[in-house]
Amino acid sequence: MLIAFTDIALQLDNAIAISSVASTVPASHRLPVLAGGVLLAAVCLLGFTLVGSLLVERLTWLKPVAGVVLIVIGSKLAIDFFRP
């Protein structure tokens, strides 16, 4: 459940991406595009979070694999950030 709350808190980047897409839409259609985008992003995020957490709970070998994947991704981001 904590993962779901974290995902909801991290939806700020989704809002920024959706608003940048909506800025290219005519003003009369902007609100439905924003509302639909935010709703779709929230539903997808919640669904994928629930499926992922269920998989990690049932398949215990996924926890170390997920940890290694997070370390690899974090390392790559850090290397790309500090590389000139």
PDB file of N, CA and C in Angstrom:
ATOM      1  N   MET A   1       0.812  -1.193   0.000  1.00  0.00           N
ATOM      2  CA  MET A   1       0.000   0.000   0.000  1.00  0.00           C
ATOM      3  C   MET A   1       0.862   1.267   0.000  1.00  0.00           C
ATOM      4  N   LEU A   2       2.013   1.174   0.663  1.00  0.00           N
ATOM      5  CA  LEU A   2       2.924   2.309   0.697  1.00  0.00           C
ATOM      6  C   LEU A   2       3.423   2.645  -0.707  1.00  0.00           C
ATOM      7  N   ILE A   3       3.606   1.629  -1.528  1.00  0.00           N
ATOM      8  CA  ILE A   3       4.052   1.851  -2.907  1.00  0.00           C
ATOM      9  C   ILE A   3       3.006   2.652  -3.675  1.00  0.00           C
ATOM     10  N   ALA A   4       1.748   2.340  -3.460  1.00  0.00           N
ATOM     11  CA  ALA A   4       0.680   3.069  -4.164  1.00  0.00           C
ATOM     12  C   ALA A   4       0.680   4.543  -3.770  1.00  0.00           C
ATOM     13  N   PHE A   5       0.870   4.848  -2.490  1.00  0.00           N
ATOM     14  CA  PHE A   5       0.924   6.250  -2.054  1.00  0.00           C
ATOM     15  C   PHE A   5       2.136   6.962  -2.637  1.00  0.00           C
ATOM     16  N   THR A   6       3.248   6.262  -2.733  1.00  0.00           N
ATOM     17  CA  THR A   6       4.449   6.852  -3.325  1.00  0.00           C
ATOM     18  C   THR A   6       4.214   7.149  -4.798  1.00  0.00           C
ATOM     19  N   ASP A   7       3.582   6.219  -5.499  1.00  0.00           N
ATOM     20  CA  ASP A   7       3.297   6.441  -6.917  1.00  0.00           C
ATOM     21  C   ASP A   7       2.370   7.635  -7.132  1.00  0.00           C
ATOM     22  N   ILE A   8       1.397   7.777  -6.265  1.00  0.00           N
ATOM     23  CA  ILE A   8       0.489   8.921  -6.385  1.00  0.00           C
ATOM     24  C   ILE A   8       1.249  10.223  -6.164  1.00  0.00           C
ATOM     25  N   ALA A   9       2.158  10.218  -5.202  1.00  0.00           N
ATOM     26  CA  ALA A   9       2.941  11.426  -4.938  1.00  0.00           C
ATOM     27  C   ALA A   9       3.877  11.756  -6.089  1.00  0.00           C
ATOM     28  N   LEU A  10       4.299  10.749  -6.825  1.00  0.00           N
ATOM     29  CA  LEU A  10       5.236  10.969  -7.924  1.00  0.00           C
ATOM     30  C   LEU A  10       4.549  11.256  -9.256  1.00  0.00           C
ATOM     31  N   GLN A  11       3.247  11.496  -9.237  1.00  0.00           N
ATOM     32  CA  GLN A  11       2.543  11.771 -10.484  1.00  0.00           C
ATOM     33  C   GLN A  11       2.759  13.192 -10.987  1.00  0.00           C
ATOM     34  N   LEU A  12       3.564  13.951 -10.300  1.00  0.00           N
ATOM     35  CA  LEU A  12       3.818  15.317 -10.746  1.00  0.00           C
ATOM     36  C   LEU A  12       4.451  15.341 -12.129  1.00  0.00           C
ATOM     37  N   ASP A  13       5.371  14.418 -12.403  1.00  0.00           N
ATOM     38  CA  ASP A  13       5.985  14.395 -13.732  1.00  0.00           C
ATOM     39  C   ASP A  13       4.966  14.036 -14.802  1.00  0.00           C
ATOM     40  N   ASN A  14       3.990  13.197 -14.458  1.00  0.00           N
ATOM     41  CA  ASN A  14       2.921  12.895 -15.413  1.00  0.00           C
ATOM     42  C   ASN A  14       2.101  14.147 -15.707  1.00  0.00           C
ATOM     43  N   ALA A  15       1.819  14.917 -14.678  1.00  0.00           N
ATOM     44  CA  ALA A  15       1.033  16.142 -14.867  1.00  0.00           C
ATOM     45  C   ALA A  15       1.765  17.124 -15.767  1.00  0.00           C
ATOM     46  N   ILE A  16       3.070  17.207 -15.610  1.00  0.00           N
ATOM     47  CA  ILE A  16       3.852  18.117 -16.455  1.00  0.00           C
ATOM     48  C   ILE A  16       3.828  17.652 -17.904  1.00  0.00           C
ATOM     49  N   ALA A  17       3.995  16.354 -18.126  1.00  0.00           N
ATOM     50  CA  ALA A  17       3.969  15.828 -19.493  1.00  0.00           C
ATOM     51  C   ALA A  17       2.591  16.000 -20.121  1.00  0.00           C
ATOM     52  N   ILE A  18       1.547  15.729 -19.376  1.00  0.00           N
ATOM     53  CA  ILE A  18       0.185  15.859 -19.898  1.00  0.00           C
ATOM     54  C   ILE A  18      -0.124  17.320 -20.209  1.00  0.00           C
ATOM     55  N   SER A  19       0.311  18.231 -19.345  1.00  0.00           N
ATOM     56  CA  SER A  19       0.041  19.646 -19.605  1.00  0.00           C
ATOM     57  C   SER A  19       0.805  20.151 -20.819  1.00  0.00           C
ATOM     58  N   SER A  20       1.995  19.620 -21.057  1.00  0.00           N
ATOM     59  CA  SER A  20       2.731  20.045 -22.250  1.00  0.00           C
ATOM     60  C   SER A  20       2.058  19.539 -23.516  1.00  0.00           C
ATOM     61  N   VAL A  21       1.479  18.348 -23.464  1.00  0.00           N
ATOM     62  CA  VAL A  21       0.725  17.842 -24.616  1.00  0.00           C
ATOM     63  C   VAL A  21      -0.549  18.660 -24.801  1.00  0.00           C
ATOM     64  N   ALA A  22      -1.232  18.952 -23.706  1.00  0.00           N
ATOM     65  CA  ALA A  22      -2.490  19.699 -23.793  1.00  0.00           C
ATOM     66  C   ALA A  22      -2.276  21.128 -24.279  1.00  0.00           C
ATOM     67  N   SER A  23      -1.101  21.670 -24.105  1.00  0.00           N
ATOM     68  CA  SER A  23      -0.855  23.042 -24.556  1.00  0.00           C
ATOM     69  C   SER A  23      -0.879  23.161 -26.074  1.00  0.00           C
ATOM     70  N   THR A  24      -0.726  22.047 -26.773  1.00  0.00           N
ATOM     71  CA  THR A  24      -0.765  22.072 -28.233  1.00  0.00           C
ATOM     72  C   THR A  24      -2.176  21.885 -28.781  1.00  0.00           C
ATOM     73  N   VAL A  25      -3.122  21.598 -27.891  1.00  0.00           N
ATOM     74  CA  VAL A  25      -4.515  21.364 -28.285  1.00  0.00           C
ATOM     75  C   VAL A  25      -5.269  22.689 -28.240  1.00  0.00           C
ATOM     76  N   PRO A  26      -6.261  22.881 -29.118  1.00  0.00           N
ATOM     77  CA  PRO A  26      -7.061  24.120 -29.056  1.00  0.00           C
ATOM     78  C   PRO A  26      -7.670  24.315 -27.664  1.00  0.00           C
ATOM     79  N   ALA A  27      -7.839  25.548 -27.268  1.00  0.00           N
ATOM     80  CA  ALA A  27      -8.284  25.890 -25.911  1.00  0.00           C
ATOM     81  C   ALA A  27      -9.612  25.237 -25.544  1.00  0.00           C
ATOM     82  N   SER A  28     -10.496  25.059 -26.496  1.00  0.00           N
ATOM     83  CA  SER A  28     -11.808  24.481 -26.189  1.00  0.00           C
ATOM     84  C   SER A  28     -11.716  22.998 -25.817  1.00  0.00           C
ATOM     85  N   HIS A  29     -10.637  22.330 -26.204  1.00  0.00           N
ATOM     86  CA  HIS A  29     -10.477  20.897 -25.922  1.00  0.00           C
ATOM     87  C   HIS A  29      -9.444  20.619 -24.835  1.00  0.00           C
ATOM     88  N   ARG A  30      -8.859  21.651 -24.289  1.00  0.00           N
ATOM     89  CA  ARG A  30      -7.768  21.476 -23.333  1.00  0.00           C
ATOM     90  C   ARG A  30      -8.189  20.771 -22.050  1.00  0.00           C
ATOM     91  N   LEU A  31      -9.299  21.189 -21.465  1.00  0.00           N
ATOM     92  CA  LEU A  31      -9.741  20.604 -20.199  1.00  0.00           C
ATOM     93  C   LEU A  31     -10.046  19.110 -20.335  1.00  0.00           C
ATOM     94  N   PRO A  32     -10.792  18.670 -21.363  1.00  0.00           N
ATOM     95  CA  PRO A  32     -11.010  17.219 -21.498  1.00  0.00           C
ATOM     96  C   PRO A  32      -9.711  16.438 -21.726  1.00  0.00           C
ATOM     97  N   VAL A  33      -8.772  17.013 -22.461  1.00  0.00           N
ATOM     98  CA  VAL A  33      -7.496  16.339 -22.690  1.00  0.00           C
ATOM     99  C   VAL A  33      -6.721  16.222 -21.381  1.00  0.00           C
ATOM    100  N   LEU A  34      -6.681  17.287 -20.609  1.00  0.00           N
ATOM    101  CA  LEU A  34      -5.995  17.249 -19.311  1.00  0.00           C
ATOM    102  C   LEU A  34      -6.650  16.242 -18.366  1.00  0.00           C
ATOM    103  N   ALA A  35      -7.974  16.300 -18.264  1.00  0.00           N
ATOM    104  CA  ALA A  35      -8.683  15.399 -17.356  1.00  0.00           C
ATOM    105  C   ALA A  35      -8.514  13.943 -17.788  1.00  0.00           C
ATOM    106  N   GLY A  36      -8.658  13.691 -19.062  1.00  0.00           N
ATOM    107  CA  GLY A  36      -8.495  12.318 -19.560  1.00  0.00           C
ATOM    108  C   GLY A  36      -7.078  11.811 -19.376  1.00  0.00           C
ATOM    109  N   GLY A  37      -6.105  12.658 -19.617  1.00  0.00           N
ATOM    110  CA  GLY A  37      -4.712  12.251 -19.450  1.00  0.00           C
ATOM    111  C   GLY A  37      -4.356  11.946 -18.012  1.00  0.00           C
ATOM    112  N   VAL A  38      -4.797  12.787 -17.109  1.00  0.00           N
ATOM    113  CA  VAL A  38      -4.523  12.564 -15.694  1.00  0.00           C
ATOM    114  C   VAL A  38      -5.231  11.298 -15.206  1.00  0.00           C
ATOM    115  N   LEU A  39      -6.480  11.114 -15.609  1.00  0.00           N
ATOM    116  CA  LEU A  39      -7.227   9.928 -15.207  1.00  0.00           C
ATOM    117  C   LEU A  39      -6.593   8.657 -15.765  1.00  0.00           C
ATOM    118  N   LEU A  40      -6.226   8.668 -17.021  1.00  0.00           N
ATOM    119  CA  LEU A  40      -5.591   7.501 -17.625  1.00  0.00           C
ATOM    120  C   LEU A  40      -4.246   7.194 -16.970  1.00  0.00           C
ATOM    121  N   ALA A  41      -3.462   8.225 -16.695  1.00  0.00           N
ATOM    122  CA  ALA A  41      -2.173   8.019 -16.028  1.00  0.00           C
ATOM    123  C   ALA A  41      -2.359   7.435 -14.633  1.00  0.00           C
ATOM    124  N   ALA A  42      -3.355   7.928 -13.893  1.00  0.00           N
ATOM    125  CA  ALA A  42      -3.603   7.422 -12.538  1.00  0.00           C
ATOM    126  C   ALA A  42      -4.064   5.974 -12.563  1.00  0.00           C
ATOM    127  N   VAL A  43      -4.950   5.638 -13.487  1.00  0.00           N
ATOM    128  CA  VAL A  43      -5.445   4.258 -13.586  1.00  0.00           C
ATOM    129  C   VAL A  43      -4.312   3.307 -13.969  1.00  0.00           C
ATOM    130  N   CYS A  44      -3.507   3.697 -14.947  1.00  0.00           N
ATOM    131  CA  CYS A  44      -2.380   2.855 -15.358  1.00  0.00           C
ATOM    132  C   CYS A  44      -1.377   2.692 -14.222  1.00  0.00           C
ATOM    133  N   LEU A  45      -1.049   3.772 -13.557  1.00  0.00           N
ATOM    134  CA  LEU A  45      -0.085   3.718 -12.469  1.00  0.00           C
ATOM    135  C   LEU A  45      -0.576   2.832 -11.330  1.00  0.00           C
ATOM    136  N   LEU A  46      -1.827   2.986 -10.959  1.00  0.00           N
ATOM    137  CA  LEU A  46      -2.389   2.163  -9.894  1.00  0.00           C
ATOM    138  C   LEU A  46      -2.437   0.697 -10.308  1.00  0.00           C
ATOM    139  N   GLY A  47      -2.875   0.431 -11.522  1.00  0.00           N
ATOM    140  CA  GLY A  47      -2.948  -0.955 -12.000  1.00  0.00           C
ATOM    141  C   GLY A  47      -1.590  -1.624 -12.056  1.00  0.00           C
ATOM    142  N   PHE A  48      -0.615  -0.954 -12.638  1.00  0.00           N
ATOM    143  CA  PHE A  48       0.724  -1.543 -12.737  1.00  0.00           C
ATOM    144  C   PHE A  48       1.362  -1.708 -11.361  1.00  0.00           C
ATOM    145  N   THR A  49       1.083  -0.781 -10.455  1.00  0.00           N
ATOM    146  CA  THR A  49       1.619  -0.895  -9.100  1.00  0.00           C
ATOM    147  C   THR A  49       1.029  -2.100  -8.380  1.00  0.00           C
ATOM    148  N   LEU A  50      -0.276  -2.276  -8.501  1.00  0.00           N
ATOM    149  CA  LEU A  50      -0.914  -3.417  -7.854  1.00  0.00           C
ATOM    150  C   LEU A  50      -0.430  -4.744  -8.426  1.00  0.00           C
ATOM    151  N   VAL A  51      -0.327  -4.829  -9.739  1.00  0.00           N
ATOM    152  CA  VAL A  51       0.164  -6.054 -10.365  1.00  0.00           C
ATOM    153  C   VAL A  51       1.608  -6.317  -9.958  1.00  0.00           C
ATOM    154  N   GLY A  52       2.427  -5.295  -9.979  1.00  0.00           N
ATOM    155  CA  GLY A  52       3.828  -5.461  -9.595  1.00  0.00           C
ATOM    156  C   GLY A  52       3.992  -5.885  -8.152  1.00  0.00           C
ATOM    157  N   SER A  53       3.226  -5.280  -7.254  1.00  0.00           N
ATOM    158  CA  SER A  53       3.350  -5.649  -5.844  1.00  0.00           C
ATOM    159  C   SER A  53       2.829  -7.054  -5.591  1.00  0.00           C
ATOM    160  N   LEU A  54       1.784  -7.467  -6.294  1.00  0.00           N
ATOM    161  CA  LEU A  54       1.297  -8.844  -6.158  1.00  0.00           C
ATOM    162  C   LEU A  54       2.335  -9.847  -6.661  1.00  0.00           C
ATOM    163  N   LEU A  55       2.966  -9.525  -7.783  1.00  0.00           N
ATOM    164  CA  LEU A  55       3.997 -10.417  -8.312  1.00  0.00           C
ATOM    165  C   LEU A  55       5.178 -10.543  -7.358  1.00  0.00           C
ATOM    166  N   VAL A  56       5.600  -9.431  -6.788  1.00  0.00           N
ATOM    167  CA  VAL A  56       6.739  -9.462  -5.870  1.00  0.00           C
ATOM    168  C   VAL A  56       6.389 -10.238  -4.598  1.00  0.00           C
ATOM    169  N   GLU A  57       5.138 -10.131  -4.151  1.00  0.00           N
ATOM    170  CA  GLU A  57       4.727 -10.885  -2.968  1.00  0.00           C
ATOM    171  C   GLU A  57       4.676 -12.380  -3.222  1.00  0.00           C
ATOM    172  N   ARG A  58       4.202 -12.771  -4.397  1.00  0.00           N
ATOM    173  CA  ARG A  58       4.028 -14.201  -4.684  1.00  0.00           C
ATOM    174  C   ARG A  58       5.292 -14.868  -5.192  1.00  0.00           C
ATOM    175  N   LEU A  59       6.074 -14.163  -5.944  1.00  0.00           N
ATOM    176  CA  LEU A  59       7.313 -14.724  -6.496  1.00  0.00           C
ATOM    177  C   LEU A  59       8.480 -14.081  -5.743  1.00  0.00           C
ATOM    178  N   THR A  60       8.896 -14.696  -4.672  1.00  0.00           N
ATOM    179  CA  THR A  60       9.881 -14.079  -3.781  1.00  0.00           C
ATOM    180  C   THR A  60      11.231 -13.857  -4.452  1.00  0.00           C
ATOM    181  N   TRP A  61      11.548 -14.607  -5.489  1.00  0.00           N
ATOM    182  CA  TRP A  61      12.828 -14.426  -6.164  1.00  0.00           C
ATOM    183  C   TRP A  61      12.872 -13.107  -6.943  1.00  0.00           C
ATOM    184  N   LEU A  62      11.723 -12.452  -7.115  1.00  0.00           N
ATOM    185  CA  LEU A  62      11.705 -11.176  -7.835  1.00  0.00           C
ATOM    186  C   LEU A  62      12.288 -10.028  -7.006  1.00  0.00           C
ATOM    187  N   LYS A  63      12.259 -10.143  -5.676  1.00  0.00           N
ATOM    188  CA  LYS A  63      12.783  -9.058  -4.838  1.00  0.00           C
ATOM    189  C   LYS A  63      14.264  -8.799  -5.096  1.00  0.00           C
ATOM    190  N   PRO A  64      15.132  -9.829  -5.056  1.00  0.00           N
ATOM    191  CA  PRO A  64      16.541  -9.538  -5.353  1.00  0.00           C
ATOM    192  C   PRO A  64      16.762  -9.100  -6.799  1.00  0.00           C
ATOM    193  N   VAL A  65      15.985  -9.664  -7.717  1.00  0.00           N
ATOM    194  CA  VAL A  65      16.117  -9.259  -9.120  1.00  0.00           C
ATOM    195  C   VAL A  65      15.735  -7.788  -9.272  1.00  0.00           C
ATOM    196  N   ALA A  66      14.638  -7.386  -8.632  1.00  0.00           N
ATOM    197  CA  ALA A  66      14.216  -5.984  -8.697  1.00  0.00           C
ATOM    198  C   ALA A  66      15.262  -5.077  -8.053  1.00  0.00           C
ATOM    199  N   GLY A  67      15.875  -5.539  -6.965  1.00  0.00           N
ATOM    200  CA  GLY A  67      16.929  -4.751  -6.326  1.00  0.00           C
ATOM    201  C   GLY A  67      18.118  -4.535  -7.239  1.00  0.00           C
ATOM    202  N   VAL A  68      18.530  -5.588  -7.929  1.00  0.00           N
ATOM    203  CA  VAL A  68      19.659  -5.484  -8.863  1.00  0.00           C
ATOM    204  C   VAL A  68      19.307  -4.542 -10.013  1.00  0.00           C
ATOM    205  N   VAL A  69      18.081  -4.661 -10.520  1.00  0.00           N
ATOM    206  CA  VAL A  69      17.652  -3.778 -11.610  1.00  0.00           C
ATOM    207  C   VAL A  69      17.670  -2.319 -11.160  1.00  0.00           C
ATOM    208  N   LEU A  70      17.195  -2.051  -9.947  1.00  0.00           N
ATOM    209  CA  LEU A  70      17.227  -0.675  -9.439  1.00  0.00           C
ATOM    210  C   LEU A  70      18.649  -0.158  -9.282  1.00  0.00           C
ATOM    211  N   ILE A  71      19.555  -1.009  -8.839  1.00  0.00           N
ATOM    212  CA  ILE A  71      20.957  -0.594  -8.696  1.00  0.00           C
ATOM    213  C   ILE A  71      21.561  -0.288 -10.066  1.00  0.00           C
ATOM    214  N   VAL A  72      21.269  -1.133 -11.049  1.00  0.00           N
ATOM    215  CA  VAL A  72      21.797  -0.911 -12.404  1.00  0.00           C
ATOM    216  C   VAL A  72      21.252   0.389 -12.983  1.00  0.00           C
ATOM    217  N   ILE A  73      19.950   0.608 -12.850  1.00  0.00           N
ATOM    218  CA  ILE A  73      19.340   1.827 -13.386  1.00  0.00           C
ATOM    219  C   ILE A  73      19.893   3.063 -12.675  1.00  0.00           C
ATOM    220  N   GLY A  74      19.984   3.003 -11.343  1.00  0.00           N
ATOM    221  CA  GLY A  74      20.532   4.131 -10.587  1.00  0.00           C
ATOM    222  C   GLY A  74      21.972   4.418 -10.947  1.00  0.00           C
ATOM    223  N   SER A  75      22.755   3.359 -11.132  1.00  0.00           N
ATOM    224  CA  SER A  75      24.162   3.540 -11.517  1.00  0.00           C
ATOM    225  C   SER A  75      24.272   4.189 -12.883  1.00  0.00           C
ATOM    226  N   LYS A  76      23.454   3.724 -13.823  1.00  0.00           N
ATOM    227  CA  LYS A  76      23.491   4.302 -15.168  1.00  0.00           C
ATOM    228  C   LYS A  76      23.091   5.772 -15.138  1.00  0.00           C
ATOM    229  N   LEU A  77      22.058   6.097 -14.361  1.00  0.00           N
ATOM    230  CA  LEU A  77      21.655   7.508 -14.255  1.00  0.00           C
ATOM    231  C   LEU A  77      22.769   8.353 -13.634  1.00  0.00           C
ATOM    232  N   ALA A  78      23.416   7.848 -12.604  1.00  0.00           N
ATOM    233  CA  ALA A  78      24.493   8.585 -11.948  1.00  0.00           C
ATOM    234  C   ALA A  78      25.677   8.762 -12.895  1.00  0.00           C
ATOM    235  N   ILE A  79      26.046   7.721 -13.621  1.00  0.00           N
ATOM    236  CA  ILE A  79      27.171   7.804 -14.560  1.00  0.00           C
ATOM    237  C   ILE A  79      26.857   8.797 -15.670  1.00  0.00           C
ATOM    238  N   ASP A  80      25.639   8.726 -16.212  1.00  0.00           N
ATOM    239  CA  ASP A  80      25.259   9.667 -17.283  1.00  0.00           C
ATOM    240  C   ASP A  80      25.205  11.108 -16.770  1.00  0.00           C
ATOM    241  N   PHE A  81      24.827  11.292 -15.513  1.00  0.00           N
ATOM    242  CA  PHE A  81      24.745  12.644 -14.958  1.00  0.00           C
ATOM    243  C   PHE A  81      26.120  13.265 -14.773  1.00  0.00           C
ATOM    244  N   PHE A  82      27.066  12.467 -14.294  1.00  0.00           N
ATOM    245  CA  PHE A  82      28.388  13.003 -13.981  1.00  0.00           C
ATOM    246  C   PHE A  82      29.369  12.928 -15.157  1.00  0.00           C
ATOM    247  N   ARG A  83      28.996  12.249 -16.213  1.00  0.00           N
ATOM    248  CA  ARG A  83      29.875  12.180 -17.397  1.00  0.00           C
ATOM    249  C   ARG A  83      29.811  13.502 -18.150  1.00  0.00           C
ATOM    250  N   PRO A  84      30.985  14.062 -18.505  1.00  0.00           N
ATOM    251  CA  PRO A  84      30.980  15.358 -19.208  1.00  0.00           C
ATOM    252  C   PRO A  84      30.491  15.277 -20.634  1.00  0.00           C
TER     253      PRO A  84
END
